[in-house]
Every structure is written in C-alpha cells, then in structure tokens.
Amino acid sequence: MDENIWQYLAQEGLAMALVWCTKILYAGIALVVGLWAIKLLRRLLKKNLGQVMKEEALMGFVISTADVLLKIVLIVAVASLLGIHTASFIAVLGSLGLAIGLALQGSLANFAGGILLIIFKPFKKGDFVTIKGIDGFVSKIDILYTSLNTRLNRVVVIPNSTITSDVLINHSHEEAVRRMFYLSISHNSSIQKAKDLFYEAIEKTPHILKDPKPFIEVSDLTDSAVVFRMFIGCKPIDYFRVKEPAIENIKYIWEENGIEMPFPHRILHIANDKEGQLDML
C-alpha cells in the first residue's frame, strides 16, 4: 500500500511538474515575444510620430508612456499564464500608482504644464520672453522645466506649472518690439529743440528700427523738470542693445546744443519782519 501511495504521489508530482513547466514555457515564450513586439512597436512609433510631431519632448513622452503601459499589460498577461490571480495584481499596481501620484504632485503639475506648453506653443526655443519678471531667451523646453538665458549669461530654470499659471510676455511674437524710457530737461530748455535733437540722436544709434517709428512726448511737468517719455523700436534679439546707447547719444547731443538736464532745487524768499528779524519761507 505504501508503494501505491508513493507511486500515486510520484505520478501527481510529475503531472504537476509538467503543468508548471508548460506554464513557465508558455509564459517565457509570451514574455520574449511580447518584449520583441514592444520593441518593434516602439521603433514604428518613433518613425511615424517623427513625421507628425515636431516636438521631440512630446514625442519622447508618448513613446515612453506607450512603452510603460505595454510592459505593464505584458506583465499582467505573463502572470495570468502562470496562474497568478491578476485581479489582486492589478489592485496592487493601482495602489502603487496612487502612492506615486500623491508623492509626485508637484512634478505631475509641472508635467501637465509641459504638455500644455508643447501643445499650445506660447513660445519656442530662441524666443525672448518675460516670465515671473525674469527676462531671457528660451534655451530649452523640457517636459517638466523651461530654461532661460538671461542678459547676465545665467541659466534660469522655471517649473512649467509656474509658467502656465502666470502671466507670460513673449517679446518675439512680433518682428519688432518697442522699448520705453524716460529723460528730463530743465524748464529753461526748449521742448521742441529737445525733441528734434532726440530724433537726430536716434539716427546715430545702431539697432534701432525706423518701423515702428521712434517717438517722443512730454509725459509730466515736475517742480524742476520737463519729463519726456521716449519710444524706440528694435528686433527682439536687440532688446538689450538699444536703450543705453540711445540714452548716451541723447545726453551728448543735448549737452552740445545747450539743453540743460534738470537738478532738484528750491527758491527761498527772505523778508524782514517788524523787529528786524529774518524769516525764511
């Protein structure tokens, strides 16, 4: 009887081993074929999406996301072939995904902002922009962050969620932009002469465009000065090259032609009172 039991157990063990070997074989074949198919599909996506999507960041994101999702499906399918209950396996994956999502809330917001920037394209690489009060040229647009090169040759990295939730100024949207600045002359100087000399100085300043036309106007009258508001046009790439040379040329030509720059001053009226003391008002 003992021999029958051992014989029975040996037969059952052999049958079970054959079953498991068959499952492992099928699972291994499915895994190899699945990985090969995913690799092939990745190549096809890269080839075809390259003709449709011009943004490398978005194309890389789509391919990477498809790769991850397909591998998750493949793992679930292989686990099913091995006899593992996939319902509990999927529940574990869902819980893990939720935990990761909660831990990466800020990064997910930046990621969503990056997708919006790539889709709506408020600016492109090389554009001159102002973001959060920072002026610079866009040097890199990633899925999470955007980099600017500033006038001081510094790289400023800004989270994409900040860009999409705040005011953005794209100075490169038009072919030409205006710069505005203020200069003052004394009340003793001629306003019309100062205006004429302004246009003469602008003609000698490089990088300033004739269209839009330079413009000067009186913006205020203070106690000691006539304040001018001045507008000059330039290409976006020359935005930081025109203001200072223009001010310098205007200062020189005003001095050469007797236009006085203002300085703060007060007028004192002195009068004698009945007791001979001086009062200063």
Foldseek 3Di string as FASTA:
>chain_A
DVVVVVVVVVVVVVVVVVLQVVLVVVLVVLLVVLVVVLVVVLVVLVVVVVVVAVDPQVSVVVSVVSSVVSVVVSVLVSCVSNVHDSVVVVVVVVVVVVVVCVVCVLQVLLLVLLVVCRVVVPDDAQWFKAAPNATFGWHDRHSFWTWGQHPVRDIDIDGSNSRVVDDMGTCQPDQKDKDKDKFKFFPVDDPVVLQVLLLVLLVVFPQWDPVVPKDKDFDDDDPTIGMIMIMTMGGRVCPVPTDVSSVVSSVVSCVVVVTHGTDDDDDWDWDADPVRDIDID
